[in-house]
Amino acid sequence: MSGDESEKALKGTALDVYRFLLKKNKPVGPREVQRALGLSSPSVAVHHLSRLEDIGILRHESSGYVVNKVLLEQSIKLNRFLVPRYLFYSIFAVAALLSELAFFRPAVIDRAYIFSLAIIAVFVFFSCYETAKTWLRGSL
């Protein structure tokens, strides 16, 4: 199955199961998935785990299921946390805007200074927008 098809299969509970295993970063059994995600029974967890294994995203080992393929390209894994990669752009953009306002303020505000502030503000807006969109869309 191609990467696009695999990402399309990651929706709803299957995405929650995948995220849980990705964050755990160790073999996990169906009962642990069921308890952590509040699923009605271990068989529901087995269904989603088997489905993800069939499309090649997970791999079953003797001690449980582990992630076989990382698909969340818009995310970066930091320790046990998944954050949108746009978050780093947002942090950089906000830092650039604040440093422009605090340290590079001219004695006389001219058109060039206003223009540079406008460009950085647009960068802040779009990077924060993309971060929020990625986070809310659930592609983490």
Protein backbone atom coordinates (compact mmCIF):
# COMPACT_ATOMS: atom_id res chain seq x y z
CA MET A 1 0.00 0.00 0.00
CA SER A 2 1.38 3.43 -0.89
CA GLY A 3 1.99 6.20 1.64
CA ASP A 4 -1.08 8.16 0.49
CA GLU A 5 -3.36 5.13 0.85
CA SER A 6 -1.88 4.35 4.27
CA GLU A 7 -2.48 7.91 5.46
CA LYS A 8 -6.07 7.75 4.22
CA ALA A 9 -6.59 4.61 6.31
CA LEU A 10 -5.51 6.52 9.42
CA LYS A 11 -8.77 8.04 10.59
CA GLY A 12 -10.82 7.95 13.75
CA THR A 13 -9.97 5.17 16.17
CA ALA A 14 -7.30 3.73 13.88
CA LEU A 15 -5.47 7.07 14.03
CA ASP A 16 -5.81 7.11 17.82
CA VAL A 17 -4.37 3.57 18.02
CA TYR A 18 -1.49 4.52 15.69
CA ARG A 19 -0.70 7.68 17.70
CA PHE A 20 -0.77 5.71 20.95
CA LEU A 21 1.72 3.14 19.63
CA LEU A 22 3.91 5.85 18.14
CA LYS A 23 4.06 7.66 21.48
CA LYS A 24 4.66 4.45 23.47
CA ASN A 25 7.67 3.54 21.31
CA LYS A 26 7.66 -0.03 22.65
CA PRO A 27 5.64 -3.21 21.97
CA VAL A 28 2.04 -2.85 23.15
CA GLY A 29 -0.66 -5.49 23.52
CA PRO A 30 -4.36 -5.16 22.64
CA ARG A 31 -5.48 -4.93 26.28
CA GLU A 32 -3.16 -1.97 26.93
CA VAL A 33 -4.48 -0.22 23.81
CA GLN A 34 -8.06 -0.92 24.91
CA ARG A 35 -7.49 0.49 28.41
CA ALA A 36 -5.51 3.53 27.28
CA LEU A 37 -8.01 4.56 24.61
CA GLY A 38 -11.16 3.53 26.48
CA LEU A 39 -12.29 1.07 23.81
CA SER A 40 -15.26 -1.16 24.59
CA SER A 41 -13.31 -4.45 24.42
CA PRO A 42 -9.91 -5.85 23.50
CA SER A 43 -11.44 -7.27 20.31
CA VAL A 44 -12.05 -3.71 19.06
CA ALA A 45 -8.37 -2.94 19.69
CA VAL A 46 -7.37 -6.19 17.92
CA HIS A 47 -9.51 -5.20 14.93
CA HIS A 48 -7.74 -1.84 14.55
CA LEU A 49 -4.31 -3.29 15.27
CA SER A 50 -4.84 -6.05 12.67
CA ARG A 51 -6.09 -3.53 10.11
CA LEU A 52 -3.02 -1.34 10.62
CA GLU A 53 -0.81 -4.42 10.42
CA ASP A 54 -2.47 -5.49 7.15
CA ILE A 55 -1.63 -2.18 5.48
CA GLY A 56 1.96 -2.35 6.73
CA ILE A 57 1.91 0.44 9.31
CA LEU A 58 2.32 -1.84 12.33
CA ARG A 59 4.26 -5.03 12.90
CA HIS A 60 3.31 -7.81 15.33
CA GLU A 61 6.14 -9.12 17.47
CA SER A 62 6.05 -11.71 20.22
CA SER A 63 5.74 -9.00 22.90
CA GLY A 64 3.08 -6.94 21.10
CA TYR A 65 2.52 -4.49 18.26
CA VAL A 66 5.07 -1.86 17.24
CA VAL A 67 5.08 0.90 14.65
CA ASN A 68 6.59 -0.31 11.39
CA LYS A 69 6.30 2.91 9.39
CA VAL A 70 6.09 6.56 10.51
CA LEU A 71 3.57 8.35 8.31
CA LEU A 72 2.86 11.62 10.03
CA GLU A 73 5.08 13.77 7.81
CA GLN A 74 3.65 17.03 9.15
CA SER A 75 4.77 16.07 12.66
CA ILE A 76 8.00 15.71 14.54
CA LYS A 77 8.41 13.28 17.38
CA LEU A 78 10.13 14.81 20.40
CA ASN A 79 10.62 12.17 23.04
CA ARG A 80 7.00 11.02 23.59
CA PHE A 81 5.30 14.06 22.06
CA LEU A 82 4.17 14.65 18.51
CA VAL A 83 4.20 18.30 17.49
CA PRO A 84 3.43 19.90 14.13
CA ARG A 85 6.60 20.88 12.29
CA TYR A 86 4.96 24.25 11.63
CA LEU A 87 5.21 24.95 15.37
CA PHE A 88 8.95 25.55 14.95
CA TYR A 89 8.30 28.00 12.11
CA SER A 90 5.76 29.78 14.32
CA ILE A 91 8.21 30.06 17.21
CA PHE A 92 10.89 31.40 14.88
CA ALA A 93 8.48 33.91 13.31
CA VAL A 94 7.25 35.22 16.66
CA ALA A 95 10.85 35.51 17.91
CA ALA A 96 11.79 37.42 14.75
CA LEU A 97 8.86 39.81 15.19
CA LEU A 98 9.62 40.40 18.87
CA SER A 99 13.32 40.97 18.21
CA GLU A 100 12.46 43.38 15.39
CA LEU A 101 10.22 45.35 17.75
CA ALA A 102 12.62 45.25 20.70
CA PHE A 103 16.12 45.50 19.25
CA PHE A 104 15.94 46.88 15.72
CA ARG A 105 13.67 49.84 16.29
CA PRO A 106 14.96 52.88 14.38
CA ALA A 107 14.98 56.38 15.85
CA VAL A 108 12.59 57.48 13.10
CA ILE A 109 10.06 54.94 11.91
CA ASP A 110 10.20 54.88 8.13
CA ARG A 111 8.57 52.90 5.33
CA ALA A 112 11.30 50.24 5.26
CA TYR A 113 10.76 49.45 8.95
CA ILE A 114 6.97 49.26 8.50
CA PHE A 115 7.48 47.01 5.46
CA SER A 116 9.78 44.64 7.38
CA LEU A 117 7.26 44.46 10.23
CA ALA A 118 4.47 43.70 7.77
CA ILE A 119 6.46 40.89 6.13
CA ILE A 120 7.30 39.31 9.48
CA ALA A 121 3.68 39.69 10.65
CA VAL A 122 2.47 37.86 7.55
CA PHE A 123 5.01 35.10 8.26
CA VAL A 124 3.74 34.89 11.86
CA PHE A 125 0.12 34.70 10.72
CA PHE A 126 0.61 31.96 8.14
CA SER A 127 2.93 29.82 10.27
CA CYS A 128 0.55 30.01 13.24
CA TYR A 129 -2.41 29.29 10.95
CA GLU A 130 -0.73 26.19 9.50
CA THR A 131 0.24 25.00 12.99
CA ALA A 132 -3.33 25.34 14.25
CA LYS A 133 -4.77 23.72 11.11
CA THR A 134 -2.46 20.72 11.41
CA TRP A 135 -3.17 20.32 15.11
CA LEU A 136 -6.95 20.64 14.76
CA ARG A 137 -7.20 18.50 11.63
CA GLY A 138 -5.88 15.59 13.62
CA SER A 139 -2.94 14.71 11.44
CA LEU A 140 -0.78 14.36 14.48
